[in-house]
């Protein structure tokens, strides 16, 4: 099946191109849109995006692989990213990561068999004052405890039922 952006995504990318001085400047916003559309930035997505922007594939690949915020492998419907930077670590991030791994039956870097959850360790999420912190897709969850994680996951389970 050939990749194709939705009409909304095409309009968003066109708007970014119009706002910025050249197509190259639209690459990072276009990568975010592509990740939202296709769930991750595969080599095929990089090639497709390069063609859409009129850029060399090597340039798209270079940017997509340089920045760690772009997923280059499939992730679950709910991508759980737990901050492991100093403040979060000092306030219990490691034990929360272990708790999540045990609760979901997967290790960091893995996805549950049903494709619902993925866990990743990430560097600073920029919320040190509310550590420990995790991000699930685009939402932040702060001042975490195991109990709060249970509530959050229960809410996600309810949402996807």
Protein backbone atom coordinates (compact mmCIF):
# COMPACT_ATOMS: atom_id res chain seq x y z
CA UNK A 1 0.00 0.00 0.00
CA UNK A 2 1.39 3.38 -1.02
CA UNK A 3 1.75 6.03 1.65
CA UNK A 4 -0.37 9.13 1.37
CA UNK A 5 -1.09 12.00 3.71
CA UNK A 6 -4.68 12.75 4.66
CA UNK A 7 -6.14 15.92 3.17
CA UNK A 8 -5.80 17.62 6.57
CA UNK A 9 -2.11 16.73 6.80
CA UNK A 10 -1.52 17.98 3.25
CA UNK A 11 -3.15 21.30 4.16
CA UNK A 12 -1.07 21.57 7.37
CA UNK A 13 2.17 20.96 5.48
CA UNK A 14 1.21 23.41 2.75
CA UNK A 15 0.45 26.04 5.42
CA UNK A 16 3.86 25.44 7.05
CA UNK A 17 5.59 25.78 3.69
CA UNK A 18 3.74 29.06 3.07
CA UNK A 19 4.70 30.43 6.52
CA UNK A 20 8.39 29.62 6.26
CA UNK A 21 11.14 30.97 3.99
CA UNK A 22 11.69 27.68 2.14
CA UNK A 23 10.65 24.02 2.03
CA UNK A 24 13.69 22.95 4.03
CA UNK A 25 12.43 25.05 6.95
CA UNK A 26 9.18 23.04 6.93
CA UNK A 27 10.97 19.72 7.43
CA UNK A 28 10.71 19.40 11.23
CA UNK A 29 7.03 20.45 11.36
CA UNK A 30 6.37 18.07 8.45
CA UNK A 31 8.10 15.24 10.34
CA UNK A 32 5.77 15.83 13.30
CA UNK A 33 2.78 15.70 10.98
CA UNK A 34 4.11 12.56 9.30
CA UNK A 35 4.63 10.84 12.65
CA UNK A 36 1.09 11.69 13.70
CA UNK A 37 -0.23 10.32 10.38
CA UNK A 38 1.86 7.15 10.12
CA UNK A 39 2.65 6.52 13.86
CA UNK A 40 6.42 6.50 13.26
CA UNK A 41 9.04 7.70 10.77
CA UNK A 42 9.99 4.63 8.75
CA UNK A 43 12.43 4.72 5.82
CA UNK A 44 9.37 4.67 3.53
CA UNK A 45 7.91 7.70 5.32
CA UNK A 46 11.25 9.50 4.96
CA UNK A 47 11.26 8.82 1.21
CA UNK A 48 7.62 9.91 0.85
CA UNK A 49 8.20 13.11 2.83
CA UNK A 50 11.32 13.91 0.81
CA UNK A 51 9.30 13.62 -2.41
CA UNK A 52 6.49 15.75 -0.96
CA UNK A 53 8.89 18.51 0.12
CA UNK A 54 11.18 18.25 -2.89
CA UNK A 55 14.19 17.52 -0.69
CA UNK A 56 16.88 14.84 -0.95
CA UNK A 57 16.02 11.68 1.01
CA UNK A 58 19.42 11.94 2.70
CA UNK A 59 18.47 15.31 4.16
CA UNK A 60 15.14 14.05 5.53
CA UNK A 61 16.84 10.92 6.90
CA UNK A 62 19.58 13.02 8.49
CA UNK A 63 17.12 15.24 10.35
CA UNK A 64 14.75 12.41 11.32
CA UNK A 65 17.55 10.28 12.73
CA UNK A 66 19.39 13.13 14.44
CA UNK A 67 16.47 14.15 16.63
CA UNK A 68 15.49 11.56 19.22
CA UNK A 69 11.92 12.86 19.53
CA UNK A 70 10.95 11.13 16.29
CA UNK A 71 10.07 7.45 16.58
CA UNK A 72 11.84 5.38 13.98
CA UNK A 73 10.14 2.16 15.07
CA UNK A 74 6.45 1.47 15.67
CA UNK A 75 5.13 2.40 19.09
CA UNK A 76 1.91 1.50 20.83
CA UNK A 77 -1.31 3.46 20.71
CA UNK A 78 -0.19 4.92 24.04
CA UNK A 79 3.52 5.76 24.00
CA UNK A 80 4.61 6.13 27.63
CA UNK A 81 7.80 8.16 27.91
CA UNK A 82 9.28 8.34 31.40
CA UNK A 83 11.83 11.03 32.21
CA UNK A 84 15.05 9.54 33.55
CA UNK A 85 16.97 12.76 34.00
CA UNK A 86 18.51 13.71 37.34
CA UNK A 87 15.56 15.26 39.16
CA UNK A 88 13.11 12.56 38.10
CA UNK A 89 15.62 9.85 38.95
CA UNK A 90 16.24 11.29 42.40
CA UNK A 91 12.48 11.37 43.00
CA UNK A 92 11.82 7.76 42.00
CA UNK A 93 11.65 7.50 38.22
CA UNK A 94 13.61 4.23 38.20
CA UNK A 95 11.15 2.51 40.52
CA UNK A 96 8.25 3.86 38.46
CA UNK A 97 9.81 2.53 35.26
CA UNK A 98 10.18 -0.87 36.93
CA UNK A 99 6.58 -0.64 38.11
CA UNK A 100 5.34 0.10 34.58
CA UNK A 101 7.43 -2.71 33.10
CA UNK A 102 6.00 -5.20 35.58
CA UNK A 103 2.43 -3.91 35.25
CA UNK A 104 2.46 -3.99 31.44
CA UNK A 105 4.66 -7.08 31.09
CA UNK A 106 7.16 -5.39 28.79
CA UNK A 107 10.58 -3.76 29.10
CA UNK A 108 11.47 -0.24 28.06
CA UNK A 109 11.73 -0.10 24.30
CA UNK A 110 9.02 -2.72 23.85
CA UNK A 111 5.34 -2.67 22.93
CA UNK A 112 2.60 -4.83 24.42
CA UNK A 113 1.42 -7.71 22.22
CA UNK A 114 -1.90 -5.95 21.61
CA UNK A 115 -0.07 -2.84 20.34
CA UNK A 116 -1.65 -0.71 23.03
CA UNK A 117 1.33 0.42 25.15
CA UNK A 118 5.00 1.18 24.60
CA UNK A 119 7.45 2.33 27.26
CA UNK A 120 10.51 4.50 26.62
CA UNK A 121 13.08 6.17 28.81
CA UNK A 122 13.63 9.77 27.76
CA UNK A 123 15.81 12.64 28.83
CA UNK A 124 14.43 15.77 30.43
CA UNK A 125 10.78 16.49 29.77
CA UNK A 126 11.30 19.98 31.16
CA UNK A 127 9.10 19.61 34.23
CA UNK A 128 11.64 19.20 37.02
CA UNK A 129 9.47 21.07 39.52
CA UNK A 130 6.80 18.36 39.22
CA UNK A 131 9.06 15.31 39.03
CA UNK A 132 8.80 12.44 38.48
CA UNK A 133 7.13 12.98 35.12
CA UNK A 134 5.96 10.91 32.19
CA UNK A 135 4.44 11.84 28.88
CA UNK A 136 1.84 9.66 27.16
CA UNK A 137 1.51 10.71 23.55
CA UNK A 138 1.10 14.51 23.92
CA UNK A 139 -0.05 14.61 27.55
CA UNK A 140 2.14 15.17 30.63
CA UNK A 141 1.56 13.43 33.97
CA UNK A 142 3.42 14.88 36.91
CA UNK A 143 4.19 14.16 40.57
CA UNK A 144 3.87 10.49 39.76
CA UNK A 145 3.37 7.61 42.15
CA UNK A 146 2.48 4.00 41.42
CA UNK A 147 -1.10 4.79 42.47
CA UNK A 148 -1.31 7.70 40.02
CA UNK A 149 0.04 5.48 37.25
CA UNK A 150 -2.69 2.92 38.01
CA UNK A 151 -5.34 5.67 37.75
CA UNK A 152 -3.90 7.00 34.49
CA UNK A 153 -3.72 3.56 32.87
CA UNK A 154 -7.24 2.70 34.06
CA UNK A 155 -8.45 5.91 32.40
CA UNK A 156 -6.72 4.98 29.16
CA UNK A 157 -8.18 1.47 29.29
CA UNK A 158 -11.65 2.95 29.80
CA UNK A 159 -11.09 5.46 26.97
CA UNK A 160 -10.17 2.76 24.46
CA UNK A 161 -13.07 0.45 25.37
